[in-house]
N, C-alpha and C. Protein backbone atom coordinates (compact mmCIF):
# COMPACT_ATOMS: atom_id res chain seq x y z
N UNK A 1 0.84 -1.10 0.10
CA UNK A 1 0.01 0.20 0.13
C UNK A 1 0.92 1.26 0.04
N UNK A 2 0.69 2.03 -0.99
CA UNK A 2 1.76 3.50 -1.09
C UNK A 2 0.77 4.46 -1.02
N UNK A 3 1.40 5.42 -0.57
CA UNK A 3 0.97 6.76 -0.30
C UNK A 3 1.09 7.95 -1.44
N UNK A 4 0.56 8.99 -1.45
CA UNK A 4 1.17 10.28 -1.81
C UNK A 4 2.64 10.67 -1.53
N UNK A 5 3.30 11.13 -2.26
CA UNK A 5 4.50 11.98 -1.80
C UNK A 5 4.32 13.31 -2.21
N UNK A 6 5.79 13.97 -2.09
CA UNK A 6 5.57 15.22 -2.25
C UNK A 6 4.84 15.29 -3.73
N UNK A 7 5.09 14.56 -4.71
CA UNK A 7 4.34 14.74 -5.89
C UNK A 7 3.32 13.57 -5.83
N UNK A 8 3.68 12.26 -5.57
CA UNK A 8 2.76 11.21 -5.70
C UNK A 8 2.76 10.11 -4.72
N UNK A 9 4.25 9.81 -4.11
CA UNK A 9 4.16 8.23 -3.71
C UNK A 9 4.98 8.51 -2.40
N UNK A 10 4.25 8.61 -1.25
CA UNK A 10 4.95 8.74 0.09
C UNK A 10 4.52 7.39 0.62
N UNK A 11 5.34 6.66 1.43
CA UNK A 11 5.34 5.42 1.98
C UNK A 11 4.03 5.52 3.23
N UNK A 12 3.30 4.63 2.85
CA UNK A 12 2.15 4.46 3.81
C UNK A 12 2.40 4.47 5.39
N UNK A 13 3.74 4.06 5.82
CA UNK A 13 3.71 4.10 7.14
C UNK A 13 4.01 5.42 7.66
N UNK A 14 4.56 6.72 6.77
CA UNK A 14 4.71 7.94 7.10
C UNK A 14 3.27 8.45 7.20
N UNK A 15 2.37 7.97 6.38
CA UNK A 15 0.84 8.60 6.43
C UNK A 15 0.36 8.20 7.75
N UNK A 16 0.42 7.00 8.08
CA UNK A 16 -0.30 6.37 9.28
C UNK A 16 0.43 6.22 10.59
N UNK A 17 1.71 6.09 10.60
CA UNK A 17 2.60 6.14 11.67
C UNK A 17 3.43 7.26 11.72
N UNK A 18 3.08 8.41 12.24
CA UNK A 18 4.09 9.67 12.33
C UNK A 18 5.29 9.14 13.03
N UNK A 19 6.52 9.67 12.45
CA UNK A 19 7.85 9.70 13.18
C UNK A 19 7.88 10.76 14.08
N UNK A 20 9.00 10.53 14.83
CA UNK A 20 9.16 11.75 15.94
C UNK A 20 9.14 12.93 15.06
N UNK A 21 9.73 13.01 13.89
CA UNK A 21 9.83 14.39 13.37
C UNK A 21 8.51 14.65 13.00
N UNK A 22 7.54 14.00 12.50
CA UNK A 22 6.14 14.29 12.11
C UNK A 22 5.43 14.84 13.52
N UNK A 23 5.87 14.26 14.64
CA UNK A 23 4.93 14.87 15.90
C UNK A 23 5.63 16.21 16.12
N UNK A 24 6.85 16.17 15.93
CA UNK A 24 7.46 17.36 16.37
C UNK A 24 6.95 18.44 15.40
N UNK A 25 7.00 18.20 14.07
CA UNK A 25 6.56 19.42 13.18
C UNK A 25 4.95 19.69 13.30
N UNK A 26 4.24 18.66 13.76
CA UNK A 26 2.63 18.97 13.92
C UNK A 26 2.58 19.85 15.21
N UNK A 27 3.36 19.86 16.24
CA UNK A 27 3.65 20.68 17.40
C UNK A 27 4.14 22.14 16.87
N UNK A 28 5.00 21.99 16.14
CA UNK A 28 5.68 23.22 15.71
C UNK A 28 4.77 24.08 14.85
N UNK A 29 3.93 23.32 13.85
CA UNK A 29 3.10 24.12 13.11
C UNK A 29 1.82 24.85 13.83
N UNK A 30 1.48 24.21 14.95
CA UNK A 30 0.57 24.75 15.94
C UNK A 30 1.21 26.04 16.75
N UNK A 31 2.17 25.77 17.16
CA UNK A 31 2.78 27.03 18.16
C UNK A 31 3.38 28.20 17.26
N UNK A 32 4.14 28.10 16.10
CA UNK A 32 4.73 29.12 15.52
C UNK A 32 4.12 29.59 14.27
N UNK A 33 3.18 29.08 13.74
CA UNK A 33 2.98 29.33 12.50
C UNK A 33 1.49 30.20 12.50
N UNK A 34 1.33 31.46 12.57
CA UNK A 34 0.16 32.01 12.96
C UNK A 34 -0.21 32.60 11.72
N UNK A 35 0.81 32.85 10.78
CA UNK A 35 0.62 33.36 9.45
C UNK A 35 1.23 32.64 8.33
N UNK A 36 0.43 32.54 7.25
CA UNK A 36 1.01 32.08 6.09
C UNK A 36 2.27 32.90 5.52
N UNK A 37 2.69 32.18 4.32
CA UNK A 37 3.90 32.97 3.86
C UNK A 37 3.47 34.30 3.40
N UNK A 38 2.37 34.48 2.75
CA UNK A 38 2.01 35.82 2.11
C UNK A 38 1.45 36.80 3.41
N UNK A 39 1.82 36.27 4.71
CA UNK A 39 1.12 37.31 5.73
C UNK A 39 -0.32 37.14 6.24
N UNK A 40 -1.16 36.33 5.49
CA UNK A 40 -2.44 36.34 5.90
C UNK A 40 -2.73 35.32 7.15
N UNK A 41 -3.65 35.18 7.83
CA UNK A 41 -3.74 34.49 9.02
C UNK A 41 -3.78 33.17 8.67
N UNK A 42 -3.33 32.35 9.47
CA UNK A 42 -3.22 30.84 9.15
C UNK A 42 -4.34 30.14 10.33
N UNK A 43 -5.06 29.51 9.51
CA UNK A 43 -6.09 28.59 10.19
C UNK A 43 -5.55 27.92 11.26
N UNK A 44 -6.34 27.70 12.39
CA UNK A 44 -5.82 26.82 13.69
C UNK A 44 -5.78 25.49 12.95
N UNK A 45 -5.04 24.43 13.69
CA UNK A 45 -4.78 23.19 13.31
C UNK A 45 -6.24 22.48 13.14
N UNK A 46 -7.15 22.99 14.21
CA UNK A 46 -8.41 22.13 14.03
C UNK A 46 -9.28 22.45 12.90
N UNK A 47 -9.20 23.92 12.68
CA UNK A 47 -9.71 24.30 11.46
C UNK A 47 -9.34 23.82 10.16
N UNK A 48 -8.09 23.53 10.21
CA UNK A 48 -7.34 22.98 8.90
C UNK A 48 -7.80 21.40 8.81
N UNK A 49 -7.82 20.63 9.92
CA UNK A 49 -8.37 19.34 9.92
C UNK A 49 -9.93 19.10 9.49
N UNK A 50 -10.71 20.13 10.21
CA UNK A 50 -12.10 20.12 9.70
C UNK A 50 -12.27 20.46 8.17
N UNK A 51 -11.28 21.33 7.41
CA UNK A 51 -11.35 21.51 6.16
C UNK A 51 -10.86 20.26 5.26
N UNK A 52 -10.05 19.50 5.83
CA UNK A 52 -9.60 18.20 5.27
C UNK A 52 -10.70 17.25 5.23
N UNK A 53 -11.69 17.28 6.25
CA UNK A 53 -12.84 16.29 6.35
C UNK A 53 -13.65 16.79 5.23
N UNK A 54 -14.02 18.09 5.06
CA UNK A 54 -15.04 18.65 4.20
C UNK A 54 -14.70 18.26 2.95
N UNK A 55 -13.24 18.58 2.50
CA UNK A 55 -12.72 18.17 1.13
C UNK A 55 -12.90 16.76 0.97
N UNK A 56 -12.59 15.89 1.95
CA UNK A 56 -12.78 14.40 1.67
C UNK A 56 -14.31 14.12 1.43
N UNK A 57 -15.26 14.40 2.32
CA UNK A 57 -16.58 14.14 2.15
C UNK A 57 -16.99 14.47 0.89
N UNK A 58 -16.73 15.80 0.32
CA UNK A 58 -17.15 16.12 -0.87
C UNK A 58 -16.71 15.21 -1.99
N UNK A 59 -15.35 14.69 -2.03
CA UNK A 59 -14.63 13.75 -2.79
C UNK A 59 -15.47 12.34 -2.94
N UNK A 60 -15.65 11.96 -1.40
CA UNK A 60 -16.24 10.68 -1.34
C UNK A 60 -17.59 10.64 -1.71
N UNK A 61 -18.47 11.72 -1.44
CA UNK A 61 -19.98 12.06 -1.81
C UNK A 61 -19.89 11.82 -3.41
N UNK A 62 -19.16 12.29 -4.43
CA UNK A 62 -19.03 12.18 -5.55
C UNK A 62 -18.79 10.81 -6.07
N UNK A 63 -17.89 10.02 -5.40
CA UNK A 63 -17.35 8.78 -5.70
C UNK A 63 -18.85 7.91 -5.43
N UNK A 64 -19.44 8.08 -4.27
CA UNK A 64 -20.82 7.18 -4.00
C UNK A 64 -21.63 7.58 -5.21
N UNK A 65 -21.88 8.82 -5.48
CA UNK A 65 -22.75 9.21 -6.47
C UNK A 65 -22.49 8.27 -7.80
N UNK A 66 -21.11 8.46 -8.26
CA UNK A 66 -20.78 7.66 -9.56
C UNK A 66 -21.14 6.32 -9.41
N UNK A 67 -20.52 5.68 -8.27
CA UNK A 67 -20.98 4.02 -8.18
C UNK A 67 -22.37 3.77 -7.79
N UNK A 68 -23.28 4.89 -7.78
CA UNK A 68 -24.54 4.56 -7.51
C UNK A 68 -24.96 3.96 -6.12
N UNK A 69 -24.14 4.26 -5.29
CA UNK A 69 -24.24 3.76 -4.15
C UNK A 69 -24.98 4.61 -2.66
N UNK A 70 -25.60 4.33 -2.03
CA UNK A 70 -26.11 4.98 -0.79
C UNK A 70 -25.39 5.16 0.33
N UNK A 71 -24.89 6.03 1.06
CA UNK A 71 -24.06 6.08 2.04
C UNK A 71 -24.15 7.21 2.79
N UNK A 72 -24.01 7.38 4.11
CA UNK A 72 -24.10 8.56 5.06
C UNK A 72 -22.79 8.98 5.40
N UNK A 73 -22.37 10.22 5.39
CA UNK A 73 -20.98 10.66 5.65
C UNK A 73 -21.14 11.39 7.00
N UNK A 74 -20.12 10.84 7.92
CA UNK A 74 -19.85 11.56 9.06
C UNK A 74 -18.50 12.05 9.29
N UNK A 75 -18.38 13.34 9.52
CA UNK A 75 -16.85 13.90 9.80
C UNK A 75 -16.68 14.29 11.13
N UNK A 76 -15.35 14.06 11.43
CA UNK A 76 -14.89 14.42 12.79
C UNK A 76 -13.32 14.64 12.98
N UNK A 77 -12.92 15.12 13.76
CA UNK A 77 -11.43 15.46 14.09
C UNK A 77 -11.21 14.74 15.51
N UNK A 78 -10.35 13.69 15.13
CA UNK A 78 -9.84 12.74 16.44
C UNK A 78 -8.46 12.97 16.68
N UNK A 79 -7.99 13.60 17.56
CA UNK A 79 -6.78 13.94 18.16
C UNK A 79 -6.34 14.75 16.90
N UNK A 80 -5.03 14.33 16.22
CA UNK A 80 -4.28 14.92 15.42
C UNK A 80 -4.68 14.61 13.90
N UNK A 81 -6.00 14.21 13.56
CA UNK A 81 -6.13 13.79 12.20
C UNK A 81 -7.64 13.82 12.04
N UNK A 82 -8.14 14.26 10.74
CA UNK A 82 -9.54 14.09 10.25
C UNK A 82 -9.84 12.88 10.06
N UNK A 83 -11.09 12.54 10.30
CA UNK A 83 -11.75 11.39 10.49
C UNK A 83 -12.98 11.43 9.43
N UNK A 84 -13.35 10.48 8.43
CA UNK A 84 -14.57 10.52 7.65
C UNK A 84 -15.03 8.89 7.74
N UNK A 85 -16.28 8.82 8.19
CA UNK A 85 -16.97 7.38 8.22
C UNK A 85 -18.14 7.20 7.11
N UNK A 86 -18.08 6.45 6.43
CA UNK A 86 -19.48 6.09 5.61
C UNK A 86 -20.12 5.11 6.04
N UNK A 87 -21.31 5.10 6.16
CA UNK A 87 -22.22 4.06 6.60
C UNK A 87 -23.34 3.91 5.73
N UNK A 88 -23.95 2.68 5.46
CA UNK A 88 -24.83 2.58 4.39
C UNK A 88 -25.39 1.10 4.53
N UNK A 89 -26.40 0.85 3.77
CA UNK A 89 -27.01 -0.75 3.78
C UNK A 89 -25.93 -1.79 3.23
N UNK A 90 -25.41 -1.70 2.26
CA UNK A 90 -24.52 -2.59 1.58
C UNK A 90 -23.16 -1.96 0.99
N UNK A 91 -22.10 -1.77 1.81
CA UNK A 91 -21.05 -1.01 1.35
C UNK A 91 -19.74 -2.11 1.57
N UNK A 92 -20.14 -3.35 1.49
CA UNK A 92 -19.07 -4.41 1.77
C UNK A 92 -18.09 -4.21 0.84
N UNK A 93 -18.55 -4.09 -0.75
CA UNK A 93 -17.61 -3.83 -1.72
C UNK A 93 -16.48 -2.52 -1.55
N UNK A 94 -16.83 -1.86 -0.82
CA UNK A 94 -15.90 -0.47 -0.49
C UNK A 94 -15.07 -0.90 0.48
N UNK A 95 -15.25 -2.02 1.16
CA UNK A 95 -14.02 -2.55 2.16
C UNK A 95 -13.28 -3.57 1.66
N UNK A 96 -14.00 -4.31 1.02
CA UNK A 96 -13.07 -5.28 0.16
C UNK A 96 -12.67 -6.47 1.15
N UNK A 97 -11.61 -7.31 0.56
CA UNK A 97 -11.12 -8.29 1.78
C UNK A 97 -10.17 -7.92 2.29
N UNK A 98 -10.36 -8.13 3.82
CA UNK A 98 -9.24 -7.54 4.57
C UNK A 98 -9.17 -6.20 4.50
N UNK A 99 -10.17 -5.33 4.16
CA UNK A 99 -10.17 -4.15 4.17
C UNK A 99 -9.20 -3.35 3.12
N UNK A 100 -8.82 -4.16 1.89
CA UNK A 100 -7.79 -3.65 0.90
C UNK A 100 -8.29 -2.74 -0.01
N UNK A 101 -9.57 -2.64 -0.13
CA UNK A 101 -10.61 -1.53 -0.94
C UNK A 101 -10.47 -0.34 -0.21
N UNK A 102 -10.86 -0.50 0.95
CA UNK A 102 -10.80 0.65 2.15
C UNK A 102 -9.70 1.42 2.23
N UNK A 103 -8.40 0.62 2.14
CA UNK A 103 -7.15 1.35 2.17
C UNK A 103 -6.86 1.94 0.96
N UNK A 104 -7.20 1.40 -0.32
CA UNK A 104 -6.95 2.20 -1.48
C UNK A 104 -7.86 3.45 -1.53
N UNK A 105 -9.07 3.51 -0.93
CA UNK A 105 -10.11 4.54 -1.12
C UNK A 105 -9.44 5.48 -0.19
N UNK A 106 -8.85 5.16 1.01
CA UNK A 106 -8.31 5.93 1.95
C UNK A 106 -7.06 7.16 1.21
N UNK A 107 -6.44 6.28 0.61
CA UNK A 107 -5.12 6.78 -0.20
C UNK A 107 -5.60 7.60 -1.30
N UNK A 108 -6.66 7.34 -1.94
CA UNK A 108 -7.24 8.30 -3.03
C UNK A 108 -7.91 9.58 -2.48
N UNK A 109 -8.61 9.07 -1.16
CA UNK A 109 -9.28 10.47 -0.45
C UNK A 109 -7.96 11.36 -0.12
N UNK A 110 -6.78 10.84 0.64
CA UNK A 110 -5.70 11.61 0.90
C UNK A 110 -5.11 12.47 -0.18
N UNK A 111 -5.08 11.86 -1.38
CA UNK A 111 -4.66 12.41 -2.43
C UNK A 111 -5.55 13.62 -2.85
N UNK A 112 -6.81 13.47 -2.63
CA UNK A 112 -7.78 14.48 -3.26
C UNK A 112 -7.52 15.68 -2.07
N UNK A 113 -7.31 15.26 -1.06
CA UNK A 113 -6.93 16.40 0.01
C UNK A 113 -6.01 17.09 -0.20
N UNK A 114 -4.84 16.47 -0.59
CA UNK A 114 -3.49 16.93 -0.78
C UNK A 114 -3.60 17.90 -2.18
N UNK A 115 -4.49 17.35 -3.22
CA UNK A 115 -4.44 18.30 -4.31
C UNK A 115 -5.36 19.68 -3.97
N UNK A 116 -5.94 19.69 -3.03
CA UNK A 116 -6.69 20.90 -2.81
C UNK A 116 -5.98 21.73 -1.82
N UNK A 117 -5.10 21.28 -0.82
CA UNK A 117 -4.49 21.83 0.27
C UNK A 117 -3.07 22.13 0.01
N UNK A 118 -2.42 21.09 -0.73
CA UNK A 118 -0.90 21.04 -0.88
C UNK A 118 -0.14 20.54 0.13
N UNK A 119 -0.93 20.09 1.30
CA UNK A 119 -0.39 19.68 2.46
C UNK A 119 -0.69 18.13 2.46
N UNK A 120 0.31 17.50 2.82
CA UNK A 120 -0.14 15.96 3.07
C UNK A 120 -1.10 15.49 4.37
N UNK A 121 -1.80 14.91 4.01
CA UNK A 121 -2.96 14.37 5.08
C UNK A 121 -2.75 12.97 5.76
N UNK A 122 -3.24 13.09 6.83
CA UNK A 122 -3.41 11.59 7.59
C UNK A 122 -4.78 11.39 7.85
N UNK A 123 -5.60 12.02 7.10
CA UNK A 123 -7.07 11.76 7.30
C UNK A 123 -7.29 9.99 7.32
N UNK A 124 -8.23 9.67 8.29
CA UNK A 124 -8.55 8.24 8.48
C UNK A 124 -9.97 8.11 7.93
N UNK A 125 -10.06 6.92 6.94
CA UNK A 125 -11.43 6.75 6.46
C UNK A 125 -11.86 5.38 6.98
N UNK A 126 -13.15 5.41 7.33
CA UNK A 126 -13.99 4.16 7.84
C UNK A 126 -15.10 4.03 7.03
N UNK A 127 -15.17 2.80 6.68
CA UNK A 127 -16.56 2.23 5.89
C UNK A 127 -17.15 1.16 6.73
N UNK A 128 -18.39 1.50 7.00
CA UNK A 128 -19.39 0.33 7.57
C UNK A 128 -18.81 -0.12 8.99
N UNK A 129 -18.02 0.65 9.60
CA UNK A 129 -17.31 0.50 10.93
C UNK A 129 -16.39 -0.56 11.05
N UNK A 130 -15.79 -0.79 9.73
CA UNK A 130 -14.48 -1.90 9.47
C UNK A 130 -13.58 -1.50 10.63
N UNK A 131 -12.90 -0.38 10.34
CA UNK A 131 -11.80 -0.04 11.36
C UNK A 131 -12.10 0.34 12.57
N UNK A 132 -13.53 0.56 13.00
CA UNK A 132 -13.90 0.72 14.54
C UNK A 132 -13.71 -0.79 15.09
N UNK A 133 -14.36 -1.89 14.32
CA UNK A 133 -14.39 -2.94 14.72
C UNK A 133 -13.04 -3.84 15.00
N UNK A 134 -12.20 -3.27 14.00
CA UNK A 134 -10.67 -3.90 13.94
C UNK A 134 -9.77 -3.11 15.34
N UNK A 135 -10.25 -2.05 15.44
CA UNK A 135 -9.66 -1.40 16.62
C UNK A 135 -10.04 -1.91 17.80
N UNK A 136 -11.21 -2.48 18.11
CA UNK A 136 -11.45 -3.16 19.35
C UNK A 136 -10.81 -4.54 19.53
N UNK A 137 -10.70 -5.25 18.41
CA UNK A 137 -10.14 -6.64 18.18
C UNK A 137 -8.66 -6.46 18.64
N UNK A 138 -7.80 -5.44 17.90
CA UNK A 138 -6.50 -5.13 17.97
C UNK A 138 -6.13 -4.51 19.56
N UNK A 139 -6.99 -3.73 20.08
CA UNK A 139 -6.60 -3.36 21.47
C UNK A 139 -6.76 -4.60 22.50
N UNK A 140 -7.61 -5.45 22.25
CA UNK A 140 -7.75 -6.65 22.92
C UNK A 140 -6.47 -7.59 22.88
N UNK A 141 -6.03 -7.70 21.45
CA UNK A 141 -4.68 -8.48 21.46
C UNK A 141 -3.58 -7.90 22.29
N UNK A 142 -3.56 -6.43 21.93
CA UNK A 142 -2.42 -5.78 22.67
C UNK A 142 -2.38 -5.93 24.17
N UNK A 143 -3.73 -5.80 24.55
CA UNK A 143 -3.84 -5.92 26.07
C UNK A 143 -3.39 -7.56 26.58
N UNK A 144 -3.79 -8.50 25.84
CA UNK A 144 -3.27 -9.58 26.13
C UNK A 144 -1.75 -9.92 25.92
N UNK A 145 -1.26 -9.28 25.03
CA UNK A 145 0.31 -9.53 24.59
C UNK A 145 0.80 -8.64 25.80
N UNK A 146 0.41 -7.50 26.16
CA UNK A 146 0.97 -6.78 27.20
C UNK A 146 0.97 -7.56 28.54
N UNK A 147 -0.01 -8.18 28.87
CA UNK A 147 -0.05 -9.16 30.02
C UNK A 147 0.93 -10.30 30.02
N UNK A 148 1.16 -10.93 28.78
CA UNK A 148 1.97 -11.89 28.56
C UNK A 148 3.39 -11.54 28.90
N UNK A 149 3.85 -10.44 28.16
CA UNK A 149 5.15 -9.82 28.34
C UNK A 149 5.59 -9.36 29.85
N UNK A 150 4.40 -8.75 30.38
CA UNK A 150 4.66 -8.55 31.80
C UNK A 150 4.86 -9.65 32.68
N UNK A 151 4.05 -10.80 32.45
CA UNK A 151 4.19 -11.99 33.35
C UNK A 151 5.53 -12.66 32.85
N UNK A 152 6.04 -12.72 31.44
CA UNK A 152 7.17 -13.62 31.37
C UNK A 152 8.30 -12.81 31.33
N UNK A 153 8.36 -11.54 31.00
CA UNK A 153 9.35 -10.41 30.87
C UNK A 153 10.24 -10.75 29.53
N UNK A 154 9.65 -11.49 28.59
CA UNK A 154 10.31 -11.88 27.24
C UNK A 154 9.40 -10.96 26.42
N UNK A 155 10.11 -10.54 25.20
CA UNK A 155 9.47 -9.70 24.18
C UNK A 155 8.55 -10.97 23.32
N UNK A 156 7.59 -10.33 22.66
CA UNK A 156 6.61 -10.86 21.91
C UNK A 156 6.53 -10.51 20.63
N UNK A 157 6.70 -10.93 19.58
CA UNK A 157 6.30 -10.68 18.11
C UNK A 157 5.07 -11.04 17.83
N UNK A 158 4.30 -10.13 17.21
CA UNK A 158 2.91 -10.17 16.41
C UNK A 158 3.03 -10.58 14.92
N UNK A 159 1.97 -11.02 14.39
CA UNK A 159 2.00 -11.30 13.10
C UNK A 159 2.00 -9.87 12.42
N UNK A 160 2.57 -10.07 10.93
CA UNK A 160 2.46 -8.80 10.25
C UNK A 160 1.06 -8.06 10.22
N UNK A 161 1.32 -6.68 10.23
CA UNK A 161 -0.08 -5.81 10.14
C UNK A 161 0.29 -4.83 9.17
N UNK A 162 -0.94 -4.01 8.83
CA UNK A 162 -0.80 -2.84 8.14
C UNK A 162 -0.24 -1.76 9.03
N UNK A 163 -0.09 -0.58 8.36
CA UNK A 163 0.25 0.41 9.30
C UNK A 163 -0.77 1.17 10.38
N UNK A 164 -1.89 0.93 9.61
CA UNK A 164 -3.19 1.40 10.80
C UNK A 164 -3.13 0.40 11.92
N UNK A 165 -3.03 -0.95 11.82
CA UNK A 165 -3.19 -1.96 12.57
C UNK A 165 -2.10 -1.79 13.68
N UNK A 166 -0.67 -1.48 13.11
CA UNK A 166 0.21 -1.39 13.99
C UNK A 166 0.33 -0.10 14.96
N UNK A 167 -0.41 0.83 14.37
CA UNK A 167 -0.65 2.31 15.24
C UNK A 167 -1.49 1.95 16.20
N UNK A 168 -2.58 1.15 16.03
CA UNK A 168 -3.38 0.73 17.29
C UNK A 168 -2.82 0.02 18.16
N UNK A 169 -2.02 -0.91 17.83
CA UNK A 169 -1.31 -1.84 18.72
C UNK A 169 -0.36 -0.90 19.57
N UNK A 170 0.31 0.02 18.83
CA UNK A 170 1.47 0.77 19.47
C UNK A 170 0.85 1.46 20.56
N UNK A 171 -0.20 2.23 20.11
CA UNK A 171 -0.92 3.00 21.17
C UNK A 171 -1.53 2.32 22.32
N UNK A 172 -1.84 1.09 22.00
CA UNK A 172 -2.54 0.29 23.44
C UNK A 172 -1.29 -0.26 24.08
N UNK A 173 -0.16 -0.55 23.42
CA UNK A 173 1.19 -1.11 24.47
C UNK A 173 1.60 0.04 25.24
N UNK A 174 1.72 1.38 24.49
CA UNK A 174 1.94 2.30 25.38
C UNK A 174 1.21 2.78 26.64
N UNK A 175 -0.13 2.57 26.41
CA UNK A 175 -1.30 2.74 27.39
C UNK A 175 -1.02 1.75 28.49
N UNK A 176 -0.36 0.67 28.32
CA UNK A 176 -0.33 -0.64 29.28
C UNK A 176 0.92 -0.31 29.90
N UNK A 177 1.94 0.72 29.51
CA UNK A 177 2.96 1.08 30.08
C UNK A 177 4.17 0.26 29.64
N UNK A 178 4.10 -0.28 28.39
CA UNK A 178 5.16 -1.07 27.87
C UNK A 178 5.69 -0.32 26.55
N UNK A 179 6.68 -0.89 26.03
CA UNK A 179 7.37 -0.23 24.78
C UNK A 179 6.97 -1.41 23.59
N UNK A 180 6.79 -0.74 22.57
CA UNK A 180 6.68 -1.48 21.30
C UNK A 180 7.68 -0.98 20.21
N UNK A 181 7.93 -1.76 19.10
CA UNK A 181 8.63 -0.93 17.89
C UNK A 181 8.27 -1.99 16.64
N UNK A 182 8.12 -1.37 15.44
CA UNK A 182 7.99 -2.04 14.37
C UNK A 182 9.16 -2.51 13.64
N UNK A 183 9.09 -3.86 13.20
CA UNK A 183 10.49 -4.43 12.39
C UNK A 183 9.81 -5.09 11.27
N UNK A 184 10.81 -5.32 10.64
CA UNK A 184 10.58 -5.86 9.07
C UNK A 184 10.26 -4.92 8.10
N UNK A 185 10.02 -5.28 6.89
CA UNK A 185 9.66 -4.64 5.51
C UNK A 185 8.40 -5.07 5.13
N UNK A 186 7.67 -3.84 4.80
CA UNK A 186 6.32 -3.89 4.10
C UNK A 186 6.40 -4.97 2.79
N UNK A 187 5.17 -5.77 2.94
CA UNK A 187 4.23 -5.73 3.75
C UNK A 187 4.23 -6.90 4.83
N UNK A 188 5.41 -7.27 5.14
CA UNK A 188 5.53 -8.11 6.37
C UNK A 188 6.03 -7.59 7.63
N UNK A 189 5.74 -5.94 7.65
CA UNK A 189 6.31 -5.30 8.79
C UNK A 189 5.26 -5.96 9.99
N UNK A 190 6.08 -6.03 11.38
CA UNK A 190 5.16 -6.55 12.43
C UNK A 190 5.52 -5.61 13.53
N UNK A 191 4.86 -5.88 14.79
CA UNK A 191 5.10 -5.22 16.16
C UNK A 191 5.77 -6.16 16.88
N UNK A 192 6.86 -5.77 17.65
CA UNK A 192 7.46 -6.40 18.84
C UNK A 192 7.07 -5.79 20.03
N UNK A 193 6.70 -6.38 20.79
CA UNK A 193 6.21 -5.88 22.17
C UNK A 193 7.30 -6.29 23.34
N UNK A 194 8.05 -5.19 23.68
CA UNK A 194 8.96 -5.37 24.80
C UNK A 194 8.69 -5.15 26.14
N UNK A 195 9.34 -5.70 27.05
CA UNK A 195 9.12 -5.43 28.59
C UNK A 195 9.45 -4.05 28.84
N UNK A 196 8.88 -3.49 29.96
CA UNK A 196 9.15 -2.14 30.16
C UNK A 196 10.55 -2.29 30.88
N UNK A 197 11.02 -0.86 31.22
CA UNK A 197 12.42 -0.55 32.01
C UNK A 197 12.30 -0.86 33.40
């Protein structure tokens, strides 16, 4: 799964799993960029994320019309990213096997946002609550793994996961007070849960 880059092709891990540099730059933009280059006032981070959601929703609404599919769109800002959800009667074809179509649609939607704003988007797309259900399962797996690592004191390697899945696991492991890291190369990249210090 690949992502837009400066022009077209940024690695998906950069889009869904921010590096320390990404986290620092997100913070820096909020703190020190009150003006655009031309001197005009810069929108707040929240306003920019809401704008990303609006652009994404317009793009996805057109896509649904073209495909002649019914779906309701829900936009939100969750933490440091815009979030758009599509719910409808039968949207399984937009999720695909193991979420592959959903991942591709998310990339296309991020490209549409990039085209409009000129800024890389970390927008999260969900269809028929596929990602929400995945998140619940992954958090349960992370809690079980964290308990195992705490009990044995040994690291545990999980099966290969998508960038979204790894991000959910990393967050849950951190909340459990342990450390995790990603190893391997896409599409076989996986999470290793390590004992805390």
